[in-house]
Protein backbone atom coordinates (compact mmCIF):
# COMPACT_ATOMS: atom_id res chain seq x y z
CA UNK A 1 19.70 50.61 40.43
CA UNK A 2 18.42 51.77 36.77
CA UNK A 3 15.51 49.85 35.13
CA UNK A 4 17.65 48.17 32.43
CA UNK A 5 19.94 46.55 35.10
CA UNK A 6 16.39 45.09 36.92
CA UNK A 7 15.45 43.66 33.58
CA UNK A 8 18.70 42.34 33.17
CA UNK A 9 18.31 39.93 36.35
CA UNK A 10 15.00 39.41 35.55
CA UNK A 11 15.83 37.71 32.20
CA UNK A 12 18.68 35.78 34.17
CA UNK A 13 16.22 34.66 36.56
CA UNK A 14 13.65 33.49 33.79
CA UNK A 15 16.66 31.47 31.30
CA UNK A 16 17.50 29.79 34.58
CA UNK A 17 14.21 28.48 35.21
CA UNK A 18 13.91 28.09 31.89
CA UNK A 19 17.03 25.54 31.39
CA UNK A 20 16.23 23.68 35.32
CA UNK A 21 12.58 23.06 33.59
CA UNK A 22 14.43 21.38 30.40
CA UNK A 23 17.14 19.74 32.37
CA UNK A 24 14.11 18.12 34.86
CA UNK A 25 11.35 17.43 31.27
CA UNK A 26 14.57 15.47 30.37
CA UNK A 27 15.64 13.84 33.30
CA UNK A 28 11.88 13.38 33.59
CA UNK A 29 11.17 12.11 30.06
CA UNK A 30 14.27 9.63 30.80
CA UNK A 31 12.67 8.39 33.50
CA UNK A 32 9.74 7.04 32.55
CA UNK A 33 9.99 6.56 29.16
CA UNK A 34 12.38 3.49 28.86
CA UNK A 35 12.49 1.40 26.33
CA UNK A 36 11.67 -2.37 26.36
CA UNK A 37 12.64 -5.19 23.60
CA UNK A 38 11.90 -8.49 23.35
CA UNK A 39 11.33 -11.66 20.72
CA UNK A 40 9.15 -14.82 21.57
CA UNK A 41 7.83 -17.46 19.14
CA UNK A 42 4.23 -17.95 18.95
CA UNK A 43 1.46 -18.02 15.95
CA UNK A 44 3.73 -20.11 14.20
CA UNK A 45 6.26 -17.28 13.89
CA UNK A 46 8.81 -15.07 15.09
CA UNK A 47 7.49 -11.86 17.17
CA UNK A 48 9.65 -8.67 17.46
CA UNK A 49 8.41 -6.06 20.86
CA UNK A 50 10.15 -2.70 21.14
CA UNK A 51 8.45 -0.40 23.02
CA UNK A 52 9.35 3.50 24.91
CA UNK A 53 7.09 4.44 27.20
CA UNK A 54 5.87 4.01 30.32
CA UNK A 55 5.90 0.64 32.30
CA UNK A 56 7.69 -0.84 29.17
CA UNK A 57 8.84 -4.15 30.16
CA UNK A 58 5.06 -4.75 31.57
CA UNK A 59 3.60 -3.78 28.16
CA UNK A 60 5.73 -6.41 26.69
CA UNK A 61 4.78 -9.11 29.33
CA UNK A 62 0.57 -7.99 28.38
CA UNK A 63 1.46 -8.23 24.76
CA UNK A 64 3.01 -11.76 24.87
CA UNK A 65 0.28 -13.40 27.73
CA UNK A 66 -2.31 -11.27 24.71
CA UNK A 67 -0.52 -13.36 21.28
CA UNK A 68 -0.87 -16.30 23.78
CA UNK A 69 -4.68 -15.96 24.50
CA UNK A 70 -5.20 -15.17 20.87
CA UNK A 71 -3.06 -18.11 19.60
CA UNK A 72 -5.45 -20.72 22.37
CA UNK A 73 -8.31 -18.31 20.05
CA UNK A 74 -7.70 -18.38 16.24
CA UNK A 75 -5.61 -21.48 16.54
CA UNK A 76 -7.43 -24.21 14.28
CA UNK A 77 -5.34 -26.84 15.13
CA UNK A 78 -5.39 -26.52 18.73
CA UNK A 79 -8.46 -28.83 19.48
CA UNK A 80 -9.87 -26.54 22.15
CA UNK A 81 -9.68 -23.17 20.24
CA UNK A 82 -12.36 -21.36 19.59
CA UNK A 83 -12.22 -21.54 15.78
CA UNK A 84 -11.45 -25.32 15.98
CA UNK A 85 -14.39 -25.77 17.85
CA UNK A 86 -16.49 -23.93 15.62
CA UNK A 87 -14.87 -25.74 12.62
CA UNK A 88 -16.41 -28.98 14.90
CA UNK A 89 -19.48 -27.80 15.48
CA UNK A 90 -19.97 -26.07 11.92
CA UNK A 91 -20.86 -22.53 13.66
CA UNK A 92 -21.82 -21.71 17.36
CA UNK A 93 -22.14 -18.88 19.04
CA UNK A 94 -19.38 -16.33 19.41
CA UNK A 95 -18.01 -14.22 21.66
CA UNK A 96 -17.61 -10.51 20.35
CA UNK A 97 -14.26 -10.49 19.74
CA UNK A 98 -14.11 -13.11 17.66
CA UNK A 99 -17.87 -11.57 15.57
CA UNK A 100 -15.87 -8.71 15.29
CA UNK A 101 -13.15 -10.51 13.40
CA UNK A 102 -15.93 -12.75 11.05
CA UNK A 103 -18.07 -9.65 10.64
CA UNK A 104 -14.51 -8.17 9.35
CA UNK A 105 -13.35 -10.65 6.92
CA UNK A 106 -16.81 -11.54 5.53
CA UNK A 107 -16.74 -7.72 4.38
CA UNK A 108 -13.20 -8.18 2.89
CA UNK A 109 -14.54 -11.44 0.86
CA UNK A 110 -17.24 -10.27 -0.34
CA UNK A 111 -15.26 -7.42 -1.31
CA UNK A 112 -12.65 -8.64 -3.04
CA UNK A 113 -15.03 -10.84 -4.79
CA UNK A 114 -13.62 -13.68 -2.61
CA UNK A 115 -10.70 -13.15 -3.64
CA UNK A 116 -9.68 -13.59 -0.18
CA UNK A 117 -11.86 -16.48 0.76
CA UNK A 118 -11.11 -18.00 4.97
CA UNK A 119 -13.09 -21.24 4.45
CA UNK A 120 -10.49 -23.01 2.16
CA UNK A 121 -8.99 -25.04 5.51
CA UNK A 122 -9.05 -28.39 3.64
CA UNK A 123 -7.88 -26.98 0.50
CA UNK A 124 -3.83 -26.04 2.19
CA UNK A 125 -4.16 -29.60 4.27
CA UNK A 126 -4.97 -30.97 1.18
CA UNK A 127 -1.57 -29.66 -0.52
CA UNK A 128 0.52 -30.23 2.79
CA UNK A 129 2.43 -26.70 3.34
CA UNK A 130 4.35 -26.44 6.53
CA UNK A 131 4.04 -30.82 6.56
CA UNK A 132 5.00 -32.41 4.03
CA UNK A 133 4.01 -30.79 0.56
CA UNK A 134 2.59 -32.58 -2.13
CA UNK A 135 0.25 -31.29 -5.26
CA UNK A 136 -2.73 -33.00 -5.27
CA UNK A 137 -4.97 -34.75 -7.71
CA UNK A 138 -7.56 -32.27 -9.95
CA UNK A 139 -10.74 -34.00 -8.56
CA UNK A 140 -9.58 -33.93 -4.96
CA UNK A 141 -9.41 -29.95 -5.24
CA UNK A 142 -12.29 -29.80 -7.07
CA UNK A 143 -14.40 -31.81 -4.33
CA UNK A 144 -13.04 -29.62 -1.51
CA UNK A 145 -13.45 -26.69 -3.49
CA UNK A 146 -17.70 -27.27 -4.01
CA UNK A 147 -17.68 -27.58 -0.07
CA UNK A 148 -16.08 -24.36 0.10
CA UNK A 149 -16.73 -21.28 -0.25
CA UNK A 150 -17.19 -17.84 2.43
CA UNK A 151 -20.46 -17.00 0.94
CA UNK A 152 -21.44 -20.18 2.70
CA UNK A 153 -20.81 -18.42 6.45
CA UNK A 154 -23.50 -16.66 7.49
CA UNK A 155 -23.56 -14.25 10.85
CA UNK A 156 -26.73 -13.09 13.12
CA UNK A 157 -26.06 -10.87 16.08
CA UNK A 158 -22.97 -13.64 17.22
CA UNK A 159 -24.77 -16.80 15.87
CA UNK A 160 -21.80 -18.38 12.82
CA UNK A 161 -23.55 -20.61 10.67
CA UNK A 162 -20.62 -22.52 8.91
CA UNK A 163 -22.20 -24.10 5.34
CA UNK A 164 -18.67 -25.62 4.21
CA UNK A 165 -15.28 -26.01 3.75
CA UNK A 166 -12.49 -25.65 7.18
CA UNK A 167 -12.71 -22.14 9.05
CA UNK A 168 -8.73 -21.05 8.69
CA UNK A 169 -7.72 -17.78 9.93
CA UNK A 170 -4.57 -17.67 9.09
CA UNK A 171 -4.06 -15.55 6.15
CA UNK A 172 -5.57 -13.12 9.12
CA UNK A 173 -4.38 -13.58 12.67
CA UNK A 174 -1.82 -11.39 12.64
CA UNK A 175 -2.28 -8.71 11.07
CA UNK A 176 -5.55 -9.34 14.09
CA UNK A 177 -2.70 -9.42 16.63
CA UNK A 178 -1.29 -6.15 15.71
CA UNK A 179 -4.76 -4.43 16.44
CA UNK A 180 -5.02 -6.45 19.67
CA UNK A 181 -1.23 -5.31 20.57
CA UNK A 182 -1.98 -1.77 19.22
CA UNK A 183 -5.66 -1.76 21.87
CA UNK A 184 -2.57 -2.72 24.88
CA UNK A 185 -0.46 0.06 23.75
CA UNK A 186 -3.01 2.89 23.96
CA UNK A 187 -4.39 1.66 27.21
CA UNK A 188 -0.76 2.08 28.34
CA UNK A 189 -0.23 5.01 26.98
CA UNK A 190 3.14 4.09 25.14
CA UNK A 191 4.94 6.98 23.23
CA UNK A 192 6.28 4.93 20.54
CA UNK A 193 6.46 0.97 19.37
CA UNK A 194 7.61 -1.34 16.69
CA UNK A 195 5.91 -4.57 16.82
CA UNK A 196 6.55 -7.43 13.77
CA UNK A 197 4.64 -10.65 13.61
CA UNK A 198 5.78 -12.66 10.82
CA UNK A 199 5.06 -10.61 7.78
CA UNK A 200 2.67 -8.08 9.47
CA UNK A 201 4.30 -4.93 11.27
CA UNK A 202 2.82 -1.87 13.38
CA UNK A 203 4.48 1.28 14.11
CA UNK A 204 2.60 3.05 16.26
CA UNK A 205 3.07 6.41 17.63
CA UNK A 206 3.89 9.98 15.80
CA UNK A 207 7.60 9.24 15.10
CA UNK A 208 8.25 7.74 11.26
CA UNK A 209 10.10 5.06 10.98
CA UNK A 210 11.23 3.01 7.95
CA UNK A 211 10.11 -0.83 7.41
CA UNK A 212 11.87 -2.51 4.82
CA UNK A 213 10.21 -4.57 1.84
CA UNK A 214 11.97 -8.23 1.50
CA UNK A 215 14.11 -9.09 -1.48
CA UNK A 216 11.64 -11.82 -2.98
CA UNK A 217 14.79 -13.47 -4.64
CA UNK A 218 17.39 -13.12 -1.45
CA UNK A 219 17.64 -13.91 2.11
CA UNK A 220 14.97 -12.39 4.74
CA UNK A 221 17.34 -9.76 6.11
CA UNK A 222 17.37 -8.24 2.42
CA UNK A 223 15.18 -5.80 1.54
CA UNK A 224 14.83 -3.93 -2.47
CA UNK A 225 12.81 -0.90 -0.71
CA UNK A 226 11.67 1.16 2.05
CA UNK A 227 8.63 2.86 3.22
CA UNK A 228 8.74 5.80 5.38
CA UNK A 229 5.57 5.30 7.61
CA UNK A 230 4.59 6.27 11.46
CA UNK A 231 1.02 5.35 13.16
CA UNK A 232 0.25 2.56 10.48
CA UNK A 233 0.59 -1.28 9.65
CA UNK A 234 2.22 -3.11 7.14
CA UNK A 235 1.81 -6.27 5.85
CA UNK A 236 3.44 -8.30 3.02
CA UNK A 237 2.51 -11.87 0.76
CA UNK A 238 4.32 -12.98 -1.14
CA UNK A 239 4.69 -16.23 -3.38
CA UNK A 240 8.57 -17.17 -1.87
CA UNK A 241 7.05 -18.02 1.32
CA UNK A 242 6.25 -21.64 2.06
CA UNK A 243 6.88 -23.22 -1.22
CA UNK A 244 8.41 -26.68 -2.74
CA UNK A 245 9.14 -27.69 -6.26
CA UNK A 246 7.77 -30.88 -7.74
CA UNK A 247 8.53 -31.90 -11.29
CA UNK A 248 10.56 -28.49 -11.81
CA UNK A 249 7.77 -26.58 -10.30
CA UNK A 250 7.70 -24.19 -7.72
CA UNK A 251 4.23 -24.25 -5.95
CA UNK A 252 4.16 -21.59 -3.22
CA UNK A 253 0.91 -21.47 -0.65
CA UNK A 254 -0.94 -18.68 -1.46
CA UNK A 255 -4.07 -20.03 -2.90
CA UNK A 256 -6.51 -19.26 -6.00
CA UNK A 257 -9.58 -20.07 -4.35
CA UNK A 258 -11.44 -20.11 -7.90
CA UNK A 259 -8.51 -22.96 -9.06
CA UNK A 260 -7.51 -24.32 -5.67
CA UNK A 261 -3.92 -23.89 -7.15
CA UNK A 262 -1.59 -21.69 -5.98
CA UNK A 263 -2.17 -18.25 -7.50
CA UNK A 264 -0.12 -17.83 -11.13
CA UNK A 265 0.43 -14.20 -12.25
CA UNK A 266 2.52 -12.11 -12.60
CA UNK A 267 3.08 -10.81 -8.69
CA UNK A 268 5.80 -12.57 -6.23
CA UNK A 269 4.98 -9.56 -3.46
CA UNK A 270 2.26 -7.49 -2.13
CA UNK A 271 3.26 -4.81 0.77
CA UNK A 272 -0.75 -3.46 1.89
CA UNK A 273 -0.67 -0.41 4.49
CA UNK A 274 -3.90 0.27 6.32
CA UNK A 275 -4.68 1.74 10.12
CA UNK A 276 -5.79 -1.84 10.78
CA UNK A 277 -3.51 -4.50 11.01
CA UNK A 278 -6.75 -7.34 9.74
CA UNK A 279 -7.24 -5.29 6.79
CA UNK A 280 -3.28 -5.31 5.78
CA UNK A 281 -3.03 -8.49 6.25
CA UNK A 282 -6.22 -9.62 4.56
CA UNK A 283 -5.92 -7.58 1.73
CA UNK A 284 -2.18 -8.65 0.83
CA UNK A 285 -3.74 -11.82 0.69
CA UNK A 286 -6.41 -10.75 -1.94
CA UNK A 287 -4.62 -8.57 -3.35
CA UNK A 288 -1.86 -10.47 -4.60
CA UNK A 289 -5.03 -13.13 -6.06
CA UNK A 290 -6.47 -9.99 -7.98
CA UNK A 291 -3.36 -8.47 -9.90
CA UNK A 292 -1.66 -5.04 -9.88
CA UNK A 293 -4.64 -3.41 -11.47
CA UNK A 294 -7.95 -4.91 -9.94
CA UNK A 295 -5.52 -5.26 -6.18
CA UNK A 296 -5.18 -1.75 -6.18
CA UNK A 297 -8.54 -0.92 -6.51
CA UNK A 298 -9.53 -2.86 -4.10
CA UNK A 299 -6.74 -1.56 -2.04
CA UNK A 300 -8.63 1.82 -2.61
CA UNK A 301 -11.86 0.70 -2.03
CA UNK A 302 -10.82 0.22 2.09
CA UNK A 303 -8.88 3.47 2.08
CA UNK A 304 -4.98 1.12 2.03
CA UNK A 305 -2.36 1.87 0.02
CA UNK A 306 0.24 -0.45 -1.84
CA UNK A 307 2.90 -1.48 -3.16
CA UNK A 308 2.84 -4.42 -6.13
CA UNK A 309 5.94 -6.46 -7.13
CA UNK A 310 6.33 -8.58 -10.06
CA UNK A 311 8.44 -11.64 -11.03
CA UNK A 312 10.51 -9.51 -13.48
CA UNK A 313 11.32 -6.56 -10.81
CA UNK A 314 9.09 -4.01 -11.62
CA UNK A 315 7.26 -2.38 -8.91
CA UNK A 316 4.21 -0.26 -8.68
CA UNK A 317 3.00 2.02 -5.72
CA UNK A 318 -0.34 3.22 -5.07
CA UNK A 319 -0.77 6.96 -5.22
CA UNK A 320 0.19 7.56 -1.60
CA UNK A 321 2.38 4.66 -1.03
CA UNK A 322 5.06 5.65 -3.89
CA UNK A 323 6.09 8.99 -2.28
CA UNK A 324 7.15 7.23 0.72
CA UNK A 325 8.54 4.28 -0.98
CA UNK A 326 12.68 4.43 -1.86
CA UNK A 327 14.07 1.61 -3.83
CA UNK A 328 16.76 0.82 -2.46
CA UNK A 329 18.50 -1.98 -5.41
CA UNK A 330 18.89 -1.06 -8.39
CA UNK A 331 17.74 -4.49 -10.38
CA UNK A 332 14.44 -3.40 -9.50
CA UNK A 333 11.97 -0.07 -11.48
CA UNK A 334 8.91 1.63 -10.04
CA UNK A 335 6.99 1.75 -13.05
């Protein structure tokens, strides 16, 4: 047999081996990278989980357990929760994990100049959002505001002292859940996942996905724009959520810590993109309170990107968010 014939045979053998290897890879990938999905209710919202990877079903179960545990720690309305006990005792010795949460919240509160304040539980209760909403008397609000303030909270090591107000993690709990879920995904070596906890979303893995920004004036399932992102967290705060009308005026649940009343500015929605879920959640509130210019500056300080939507349907995006943003509703204008 000539040299050319030998080379052809060797080439054919290598091609066959390569073909078998490719088939084996896809069989292996199909067997060991399964997709599991589930929706459940916790933390006062709907949680949606979609995971692709080895032991996907087991991972979903771990996530459900993790969220239930977080709920028992962070929900101040549960008398046995760690936050409820902290409020009752005006502080206490925290678990390492809870101390870490407080450090982050104190940092966001300070850098935002108090636009984010996690001590306004009593003010929120006075408004009755989610139960029997009512516009309180100004004197009542002012009295409670005088007792509140993140600057009355001190943390030394794991020892927390609360000098006034009622701690409320409502504006950050969903983001914290995303961070805890990310840890589970990392430990399980998951390939990719999309996790939604209310208005906060975790995109896990290198595969880019589109996340819709809800139409503030439309149904919950309708979006006015999409963000194409991978391996990050996205949180949105909007004045269209949990609102009520009294004497012809609409009041929403995002409270301005300086006035004790719902924020009154040009905004109707703010979306923040961050590698950290808790920061994305907290900043979506803080940036809403601050408005476009100051909110964008705060996002930049934390290394985050943001999209702001105004009441007159103008859309502002930070430099890093703009290339990832596509407006899908022509009644909105990207500025």
